[in-house]
Amino acid sequence: MPILKEEECMKKLLLVCASIVVLLSLISCENIFSSSLATWAARTDYGDLSKLSYNEASSLLKNALANNNAELARGLVPVFTKFLKETEKTDPTYTTKGKELFDALFMGSNLAESYNMLATSLLSNPEPDENFLNDIAEDISGIILWNDAYSDAMMLCLESELFTVLDPNALALAAFVLVFDVGNDLELNTLNPQSITDQADIDRLLESQQFQVVLAIIEVLESANPETAPFIALFSDLFGNLSNLNP
């Protein structure tokens, strides 16, 4: 992916902002609809979630999403990971379970909160400067919760059979946040991949399970249309440069 000139970058970001106005409207409508599903207030004790049946877990996840209960969603990630692993790809419930795992992971890791932060920031900054991505990444990185189990869960969600039920904007946001997060851990400027030239540093990055998740997301998004997924357009140059690190 070529590096755009500054003027072209600004035009692209302005287009992204306009697209996100529509995106946020859809999110708001979805949240209102989801809230109508919540028939009880958020609880704090749900017992042993590992013993839940699929139907019980699915119902509990709907309530977690409706109530923005990230703690409950985190508890359901291993539950839906197990359900998805035990389900054949030809099973009619496979895509539903995959979407539910992704939803639990996205909320439980606080990626959902990051998604809203990025969209809101773009709307309030109609002419973002060249430091925009670095600034928003700094704001977002402090709230992300991630571990190897989450990386495993995300890789399950990236199976080709599930791509049609996942939001490409959410995937793009996840790749952006996770690559910044792993860069912080390794003390590498992963938002400027071209600055990473030492082979030892590149090897450290490629050995990271979290970075492999980022590369897998970028590969999956290559089949998506950036015109209908503004976050992909926003991060296109970054994703292209990150892919170049992988021989």
C-alpha atoms as a PDB file:
ATOM      1  CA  MET A   1       0.000   0.000   0.000  1.00  0.00           C
ATOM      2  CA  PRO A   2       1.604   3.292  -1.033  1.00  0.00           C
ATOM      3  CA  ILE A   3       2.186   6.101   1.412  1.00  0.00           C
ATOM      4  CA  LEU A   4      -0.161   8.968   0.608  1.00  0.00           C
ATOM      5  CA  LYS A   5       0.906  12.585   0.429  1.00  0.00           C
ATOM      6  CA  GLU A   6      -0.229  14.811   3.279  1.00  0.00           C
ATOM      7  CA  GLU A   7      -3.033  16.434   1.252  1.00  0.00           C
ATOM      8  CA  GLU A   8      -4.338  13.046   0.142  1.00  0.00           C
ATOM      9  CA  CYS A   9      -4.215  11.780   3.727  1.00  0.00           C
ATOM     10  CA  MET A  10      -6.307  14.712   4.908  1.00  0.00           C
ATOM     11  CA  LYS A  11      -8.893  14.086   2.194  1.00  0.00           C
ATOM     12  CA  LYS A  12      -9.031  10.447   3.167  1.00  0.00           C
ATOM     13  CA  LEU A  13      -9.501  11.247   6.851  1.00  0.00           C
ATOM     14  CA  LEU A  14     -12.274  13.727   6.054  1.00  0.00           C
ATOM     15  CA  LEU A  15     -14.021  11.022   4.051  1.00  0.00           C
ATOM     16  CA  VAL A  16     -13.572   8.638   6.959  1.00  0.00           C
ATOM     17  CA  CYS A  17     -15.162  11.166   9.327  1.00  0.00           C
ATOM     18  CA  ALA A  18     -18.196  11.531   7.075  1.00  0.00           C
ATOM     19  CA  SER A  19     -18.560   7.766   6.862  1.00  0.00           C
ATOM     20  CA  ILE A  20     -18.361   7.420  10.625  1.00  0.00           C
ATOM     21  CA  VAL A  21     -21.311   9.783  11.121  1.00  0.00           C
ATOM     22  CA  VAL A  22     -23.426   7.118   9.460  1.00  0.00           C
ATOM     23  CA  LEU A  23     -21.589   4.392  11.365  1.00  0.00           C
ATOM     24  CA  LEU A  24     -22.295   5.985  14.735  1.00  0.00           C
ATOM     25  CA  SER A  25     -25.950   6.401  13.840  1.00  0.00           C
ATOM     26  CA  LEU A  26     -26.173   2.685  13.182  1.00  0.00           C
ATOM     27  CA  ILE A  27     -24.365   1.915  16.446  1.00  0.00           C
ATOM     28  CA  SER A  28     -26.806   4.120  18.372  1.00  0.00           C
ATOM     29  CA  CYS A  29     -29.801   2.390  16.819  1.00  0.00           C
ATOM     30  CA  GLU A  30     -28.313  -1.013  17.602  1.00  0.00           C
ATOM     31  CA  ASN A  31     -27.635  -0.032  21.199  1.00  0.00           C
ATOM     32  CA  ILE A  32     -31.219   1.173  21.663  1.00  0.00           C
ATOM     33  CA  PHE A  33     -32.537  -2.070  20.212  1.00  0.00           C
ATOM     34  CA  SER A  34     -30.167  -4.179  22.329  1.00  0.00           C
ATOM     35  CA  SER A  35     -31.149  -2.325  25.491  1.00  0.00           C
ATOM     36  CA  SER A  36     -34.745  -3.388  24.980  1.00  0.00           C
ATOM     37  CA  LEU A  37     -33.579  -6.986  25.449  1.00  0.00           C
ATOM     38  CA  ALA A  38     -32.343  -6.313  28.972  1.00  0.00           C
ATOM     39  CA  THR A  39     -35.092  -7.362  31.343  1.00  0.00           C
ATOM     40  CA  TRP A  40     -33.055  -7.170  34.520  1.00  0.00           C
ATOM     41  CA  ALA A  41     -30.364  -4.950  35.962  1.00  0.00           C
ATOM     42  CA  ALA A  42     -26.709  -5.942  35.716  1.00  0.00           C
ATOM     43  CA  ARG A  43     -25.741  -8.473  38.386  1.00  0.00           C
ATOM     44  CA  THR A  44     -22.375  -9.150  39.967  1.00  0.00           C
ATOM     45  CA  ASP A  45     -22.534 -12.900  40.748  1.00  0.00           C
ATOM     46  CA  TYR A  46     -23.350 -15.393  38.021  1.00  0.00           C
ATOM     47  CA  GLY A  47     -21.878 -18.516  39.565  1.00  0.00           C
ATOM     48  CA  ASP A  48     -19.628 -20.929  37.669  1.00  0.00           C
ATOM     49  CA  LEU A  49     -19.916 -19.826  34.037  1.00  0.00           C
ATOM     50  CA  SER A  50     -18.083 -22.913  32.809  1.00  0.00           C
ATOM     51  CA  LYS A  51     -21.124 -25.017  33.687  1.00  0.00           C
ATOM     52  CA  LEU A  52     -23.518 -23.018  31.532  1.00  0.00           C
ATOM     53  CA  SER A  53     -25.330 -24.661  28.659  1.00  0.00           C
ATOM     54  CA  TYR A  54     -24.978 -22.971  25.287  1.00  0.00           C
ATOM     55  CA  ASN A  55     -28.475 -21.473  25.481  1.00  0.00           C
ATOM     56  CA  GLU A  56     -27.810 -20.138  28.978  1.00  0.00           C
ATOM     57  CA  ALA A  57     -24.495 -18.600  27.917  1.00  0.00           C
ATOM     58  CA  SER A  58     -26.051 -17.067  24.813  1.00  0.00           C
ATOM     59  CA  SER A  59     -28.828 -15.475  26.868  1.00  0.00           C
ATOM     60  CA  LEU A  60     -26.315 -14.176  29.405  1.00  0.00           C
ATOM     61  CA  LEU A  61     -24.164 -12.667  26.664  1.00  0.00           C
ATOM     62  CA  LYS A  62     -27.147 -10.768  25.255  1.00  0.00           C
ATOM     63  CA  ASN A  63     -27.658  -9.229  28.671  1.00  0.00           C
ATOM     64  CA  ALA A  64     -23.950  -8.429  29.027  1.00  0.00           C
ATOM     65  CA  LEU A  65     -23.964  -6.603  25.685  1.00  0.00           C
ATOM     66  CA  ALA A  66     -27.209  -4.776  26.470  1.00  0.00           C
ATOM     67  CA  ASN A  67     -25.895  -3.619  29.851  1.00  0.00           C
ATOM     68  CA  ASN A  68     -22.315  -2.879  28.695  1.00  0.00           C
ATOM     69  CA  ASN A  69     -21.159  -5.409  31.276  1.00  0.00           C
ATOM     70  CA  ALA A  70     -17.531  -5.939  30.252  1.00  0.00           C
ATOM     71  CA  GLU A  71     -16.745  -8.031  33.324  1.00  0.00           C
ATOM     72  CA  LEU A  72     -19.453 -10.549  32.470  1.00  0.00           C
ATOM     73  CA  ALA A  73     -18.351 -10.578  28.823  1.00  0.00           C
ATOM     74  CA  ARG A  74     -14.794 -11.398  29.944  1.00  0.00           C
ATOM     75  CA  GLY A  75     -16.098 -14.337  31.921  1.00  0.00           C
ATOM     76  CA  LEU A  76     -17.910 -15.645  28.859  1.00  0.00           C
ATOM     77  CA  VAL A  77     -14.886 -15.557  26.518  1.00  0.00           C
ATOM     78  CA  PRO A  78     -13.537 -18.988  27.612  1.00  0.00           C
ATOM     79  CA  VAL A  79     -17.087 -20.365  27.586  1.00  0.00           C
ATOM     80  CA  PHE A  80     -17.707 -19.433  23.955  1.00  0.00           C
ATOM     81  CA  THR A  81     -14.146 -20.398  23.018  1.00  0.00           C
ATOM     82  CA  LYS A  82     -14.964 -23.907  24.210  1.00  0.00           C
ATOM     83  CA  PHE A  83     -18.330 -23.963  22.419  1.00  0.00           C
ATOM     84  CA  LEU A  84     -16.790 -22.851  19.124  1.00  0.00           C
ATOM     85  CA  LYS A  85     -13.922 -25.343  19.332  1.00  0.00           C
ATOM     86  CA  GLU A  86     -16.433 -28.151  19.898  1.00  0.00           C
ATOM     87  CA  THR A  87     -18.593 -27.114  16.910  1.00  0.00           C
ATOM     88  CA  GLU A  88     -17.973 -28.363  13.387  1.00  0.00           C
ATOM     89  CA  LYS A  89     -17.716 -25.660  10.721  1.00  0.00           C
ATOM     90  CA  THR A  90     -20.575 -27.326   8.859  1.00  0.00           C
ATOM     91  CA  ASP A  91     -22.856 -27.051  11.887  1.00  0.00           C
ATOM     92  CA  PRO A  92     -25.655 -24.470  11.364  1.00  0.00           C
ATOM     93  CA  THR A  93     -24.762 -22.851  14.719  1.00  0.00           C
ATOM     94  CA  TYR A  94     -21.064 -22.381  13.888  1.00  0.00           C
ATOM     95  CA  THR A  95     -21.301 -18.806  12.596  1.00  0.00           C
ATOM     96  CA  THR A  96     -23.620 -17.782  15.433  1.00  0.00           C
ATOM     97  CA  LYS A  97     -21.223 -19.125  18.036  1.00  0.00           C
ATOM     98  CA  GLY A  98     -18.297 -17.468  16.282  1.00  0.00           C
ATOM     99  CA  LYS A  99     -20.079 -14.110  16.303  1.00  0.00           C
ATOM    100  CA  GLU A 100     -20.920 -14.543  19.977  1.00  0.00           C
ATOM    101  CA  LEU A 101     -17.291 -15.316  20.829  1.00  0.00           C
ATOM    102  CA  PHE A 102     -16.183 -12.216  18.956  1.00  0.00           C
ATOM    103  CA  ASP A 103     -18.785 -10.052  20.698  1.00  0.00           C
ATOM    104  CA  ALA A 104     -17.753 -11.354  24.134  1.00  0.00           C
ATOM    105  CA  LEU A 105     -14.077 -10.814  23.305  1.00  0.00           C
ATOM    106  CA  PHE A 106     -14.616  -7.357  21.835  1.00  0.00           C
ATOM    107  CA  MET A 107     -16.491  -6.107  24.887  1.00  0.00           C
ATOM    108  CA  GLY A 108     -14.530  -8.038  27.502  1.00  0.00           C
ATOM    109  CA  SER A 109     -11.154  -6.749  26.280  1.00  0.00           C
ATOM    110  CA  ASN A 110     -12.515  -3.171  26.200  1.00  0.00           C
ATOM    111  CA  LEU A 111     -12.104  -3.002  22.425  1.00  0.00           C
ATOM    112  CA  ALA A 112     -15.756  -1.942  22.240  1.00  0.00           C
ATOM    113  CA  GLU A 113     -15.009   1.077  24.426  1.00  0.00           C
ATOM    114  CA  SER A 114     -11.973   1.853  22.251  1.00  0.00           C
ATOM    115  CA  TYR A 115     -14.143   1.641  19.131  1.00  0.00           C
ATOM    116  CA  ASN A 116     -16.491   4.293  20.493  1.00  0.00           C
ATOM    117  CA  MET A 117     -13.564   6.470  21.617  1.00  0.00           C
ATOM    118  CA  LEU A 118     -12.014   6.437  18.152  1.00  0.00           C
ATOM    119  CA  ALA A 119     -15.289   7.160  16.369  1.00  0.00           C
ATOM    120  CA  THR A 120     -16.130  10.010  18.744  1.00  0.00           C
ATOM    121  CA  SER A 121     -12.627  11.466  18.437  1.00  0.00           C
ATOM    122  CA  LEU A 122     -12.873  11.468  14.640  1.00  0.00           C
ATOM    123  CA  LEU A 123     -16.182  13.305  14.789  1.00  0.00           C
ATOM    124  CA  SER A 124     -14.787  15.952  17.116  1.00  0.00           C
ATOM    125  CA  ASN A 125     -11.636  16.378  14.988  1.00  0.00           C
ATOM    126  CA  PRO A 126     -12.859  17.006  11.432  1.00  0.00           C
ATOM    127  CA  GLU A 127      -9.333  17.956  10.332  1.00  0.00           C
ATOM    128  CA  PRO A 128      -7.026  15.580  12.237  1.00  0.00           C
ATOM    129  CA  ASP A 129      -3.319  16.290  11.944  1.00  0.00           C
ATOM    130  CA  GLU A 130      -0.481  13.842  11.395  1.00  0.00           C
ATOM    131  CA  ASN A 131      -0.265  13.104  15.139  1.00  0.00           C
ATOM    132  CA  PHE A 132      -3.895  12.037  15.357  1.00  0.00           C
ATOM    133  CA  LEU A 133      -3.322   8.268  15.360  1.00  0.00           C
ATOM    134  CA  ASN A 134      -0.548   8.500  17.944  1.00  0.00           C
ATOM    135  CA  ASP A 135      -2.675  10.647  20.234  1.00  0.00           C
ATOM    136  CA  ILE A 136      -5.757   8.425  20.066  1.00  0.00           C
ATOM    137  CA  ALA A 137      -3.612   5.308  20.480  1.00  0.00           C
ATOM    138  CA  GLU A 138      -2.168   6.725  23.696  1.00  0.00           C
ATOM    139  CA  ASP A 139      -5.690   7.334  25.011  1.00  0.00           C
ATOM    140  CA  ILE A 140      -6.947   3.894  24.062  1.00  0.00           C
ATOM    141  CA  SER A 141      -3.989   1.732  25.062  1.00  0.00           C
ATOM    142  CA  GLY A 142      -4.466   2.248  28.776  1.00  0.00           C
ATOM    143  CA  ILE A 143      -7.851   0.545  28.856  1.00  0.00           C
ATOM    144  CA  ILE A 144      -7.133  -2.556  26.741  1.00  0.00           C
ATOM    145  CA  LEU A 145      -7.029  -5.936  28.452  1.00  0.00           C
ATOM    146  CA  TRP A 146      -5.328  -8.673  26.422  1.00  0.00           C
ATOM    147  CA  ASN A 147      -3.639 -12.011  26.994  1.00  0.00           C
ATOM    148  CA  ASP A 148      -2.678 -15.178  25.110  1.00  0.00           C
ATOM    149  CA  ALA A 149      -6.105 -16.722  25.684  1.00  0.00           C
ATOM    150  CA  TYR A 150      -7.662 -13.717  23.965  1.00  0.00           C
ATOM    151  CA  SER A 151      -5.214 -14.104  21.082  1.00  0.00           C
ATOM    152  CA  ASP A 152      -6.291 -17.732  20.714  1.00  0.00           C
ATOM    153  CA  ALA A 153      -9.944 -16.691  20.780  1.00  0.00           C
ATOM    154  CA  MET A 154      -9.402 -14.004  18.145  1.00  0.00           C
ATOM    155  CA  MET A 155      -7.648 -16.463  15.843  1.00  0.00           C
ATOM    156  CA  LEU A 156     -10.701 -18.726  16.069  1.00  0.00           C
ATOM    157  CA  CYS A 157     -12.856 -15.760  15.030  1.00  0.00           C
ATOM    158  CA  LEU A 158     -10.725 -15.167  11.932  1.00  0.00           C
ATOM    159  CA  GLU A 159     -11.745 -18.390  10.203  1.00  0.00           C
ATOM    160  CA  SER A 160     -12.997 -17.603   6.695  1.00  0.00           C
ATOM    161  CA  GLU A 161     -16.444 -19.028   7.469  1.00  0.00           C
ATOM    162  CA  LEU A 162     -16.992 -16.280  10.042  1.00  0.00           C
ATOM    163  CA  PHE A 163     -15.861 -13.219   8.088  1.00  0.00           C
ATOM    164  CA  THR A 164     -19.339 -12.455   6.756  1.00  0.00           C
ATOM    165  CA  VAL A 165     -20.767 -12.092  10.281  1.00  0.00           C
ATOM    166  CA  LEU A 166     -17.984  -9.887  11.699  1.00  0.00           C
ATOM    167  CA  ASP A 167     -17.741  -6.098  11.433  1.00  0.00           C
ATOM    168  CA  PRO A 168     -14.622  -5.216   9.395  1.00  0.00           C
ATOM    169  CA  ASN A 169     -14.443  -1.836  11.156  1.00  0.00           C
ATOM    170  CA  ALA A 170     -14.235  -3.633  14.500  1.00  0.00           C
ATOM    171  CA  LEU A 171     -11.482  -5.893  13.167  1.00  0.00           C
ATOM    172  CA  ALA A 172      -9.528  -2.910  11.835  1.00  0.00           C
ATOM    173  CA  LEU A 173      -9.806  -1.124  15.188  1.00  0.00           C
ATOM    174  CA  ALA A 174      -8.645  -4.289  16.962  1.00  0.00           C
ATOM    175  CA  ALA A 175      -5.552  -4.549  14.754  1.00  0.00           C
ATOM    176  CA  PHE A 176      -4.691  -0.884  15.341  1.00  0.00           C
ATOM    177  CA  VAL A 177      -5.043  -1.081  19.115  1.00  0.00           C
ATOM    178  CA  LEU A 178      -3.302  -4.434  19.483  1.00  0.00           C
ATOM    179  CA  VAL A 179      -0.297  -3.443  17.382  1.00  0.00           C
ATOM    180  CA  PHE A 180       0.178  -0.265  19.405  1.00  0.00           C
ATOM    181  CA  ASP A 181      -0.177  -2.275  22.617  1.00  0.00           C
ATOM    182  CA  VAL A 182       2.421  -4.860  21.628  1.00  0.00           C
ATOM    183  CA  GLY A 183       4.702  -2.053  20.484  1.00  0.00           C
ATOM    184  CA  ASN A 184       4.532  -0.544  23.945  1.00  0.00           C
ATOM    185  CA  ASP A 185       5.397  -3.898  25.506  1.00  0.00           C
ATOM    186  CA  LEU A 186       8.408  -4.347  23.226  1.00  0.00           C
ATOM    187  CA  GLU A 187       9.370  -0.649  23.256  1.00  0.00           C
ATOM    188  CA  LEU A 188       8.982  -0.395  19.483  1.00  0.00           C
ATOM    189  CA  ASN A 189       7.216   2.316  17.487  1.00  0.00           C
ATOM    190  CA  THR A 190       4.770   0.009  15.742  1.00  0.00           C
ATOM    191  CA  LEU A 191       2.679   2.922  14.466  1.00  0.00           C
ATOM    192  CA  ASN A 192       5.707   3.792  12.319  1.00  0.00           C
ATOM    193  CA  PRO A 193       6.789   0.328  11.113  1.00  0.00           C
ATOM    194  CA  GLN A 194       9.357   1.788   8.737  1.00  0.00           C
ATOM    195  CA  SER A 195      11.337   2.947  11.773  1.00  0.00           C
ATOM    196  CA  ILE A 196      11.812  -0.687  12.851  1.00  0.00           C
ATOM    197  CA  THR A 197      14.882  -1.663  10.853  1.00  0.00           C
ATOM    198  CA  ASP A 198      16.965  -3.772  13.229  1.00  0.00           C
ATOM    199  CA  GLN A 199      16.404  -7.451  12.405  1.00  0.00           C
ATOM    200  CA  ALA A 200      16.522  -8.398  16.079  1.00  0.00           C
ATOM    201  CA  ASP A 201      13.627  -6.019  16.766  1.00  0.00           C
ATOM    202  CA  ILE A 202      11.681  -7.345  13.796  1.00  0.00           C
ATOM    203  CA  ASP A 203      12.240 -10.901  15.035  1.00  0.00           C
ATOM    204  CA  ARG A 204      11.012  -9.985  18.527  1.00  0.00           C
ATOM    205  CA  LEU A 205       7.883  -8.513  16.994  1.00  0.00           C
ATOM    206  CA  LEU A 206       7.235 -11.517  14.753  1.00  0.00           C
ATOM    207  CA  GLU A 207       7.669 -13.862  17.712  1.00  0.00           C
ATOM    208  CA  SER A 208       4.841 -12.102  19.556  1.00  0.00           C
ATOM    209  CA  GLN A 209       1.574 -14.022  19.498  1.00  0.00           C
ATOM    210  CA  GLN A 210      -0.297 -10.743  19.706  1.00  0.00           C
ATOM    211  CA  PHE A 211       1.479  -9.374  16.645  1.00  0.00           C
ATOM    212  CA  GLN A 212       0.659 -12.554  14.723  1.00  0.00           C
ATOM    213  CA  VAL A 213      -2.997 -11.866  15.519  1.00  0.00           C
ATOM    214  CA  VAL A 214      -2.578  -8.377  14.057  1.00  0.00           C
ATOM    215  CA  LEU A 215      -1.074  -9.769  10.864  1.00  0.00           C
ATOM    216  CA  ALA A 216      -3.870 -12.339  10.609  1.00  0.00           C
ATOM    217  CA  ILE A 217      -6.498  -9.599  10.932  1.00  0.00           C
ATOM    218  CA  ILE A 218      -4.774  -7.509   8.252  1.00  0.00           C
ATOM    219  CA  GLU A 219      -4.741 -10.506   5.915  1.00  0.00           C
ATOM    220  CA  VAL A 220      -8.445 -11.162   6.488  1.00  0.00           C
ATOM    221  CA  LEU A 221      -9.280  -7.499   5.826  1.00  0.00           C
ATOM    222  CA  GLU A 222      -7.613  -7.575   2.413  1.00  0.00           C
ATOM    223  CA  SER A 223     -10.879  -8.932   1.013  1.00  0.00           C
ATOM    224  CA  ALA A 224     -12.978  -6.141   2.569  1.00  0.00           C
ATOM    225  CA  ASN A 225     -14.043  -2.986   0.744  1.00  0.00           C
ATOM    226  CA  PRO A 226     -12.450   0.106   2.359  1.00  0.00           C
ATOM    227  CA  GLU A 227     -15.212   2.283   0.905  1.00  0.00           C
ATOM    228  CA  THR A 228     -17.764   0.563   3.143  1.00  0.00           C
ATOM    229  CA  ALA A 229     -15.400   0.167   6.106  1.00  0.00           C
ATOM    230  CA  PRO A 230     -13.933   3.588   7.015  1.00  0.00           C
ATOM    231  CA  PHE A 231     -11.616   2.272   9.708  1.00  0.00           C
ATOM    232  CA  ILE A 232      -9.847   0.112   7.122  1.00  0.00           C
ATOM    233  CA  ALA A 233      -9.322   3.209   4.973  1.00  0.00           C
ATOM    234  CA  LEU A 234      -8.037   5.115   8.003  1.00  0.00           C
ATOM    235  CA  PHE A 235      -5.415   2.487   8.825  1.00  0.00           C
ATOM    236  CA  SER A 236      -4.583   1.345   5.283  1.00  0.00           C
ATOM    237  CA  ASP A 237      -1.060   2.786   5.157  1.00  0.00           C
ATOM    238  CA  LEU A 238      -0.236   1.444   8.611  1.00  0.00           C
ATOM    239  CA  PHE A 239      -1.504  -2.028   7.734  1.00  0.00           C
ATOM    240  CA  GLY A 240       0.482  -2.081   4.502  1.00  0.00           C
ATOM    241  CA  ASN A 241       3.708  -1.121   6.258  1.00  0.00           C
ATOM    242  CA  LEU A 242       3.134  -3.689   9.026  1.00  0.00           C
ATOM    243  CA  SER A 243       2.631  -6.427   6.441  1.00  0.00           C
ATOM    244  CA  ASN A 244       5.987  -5.514   4.901  1.00  0.00           C
ATOM    245  CA  LEU A 245       7.704  -6.476   8.173  1.00  0.00           C
ATOM    246  CA  ASN A 246       6.617 -10.075   7.639  1.00  0.00           C
ATOM    247  CA  PRO A 247       8.922 -11.727   5.064  1.00  0.00           C
END
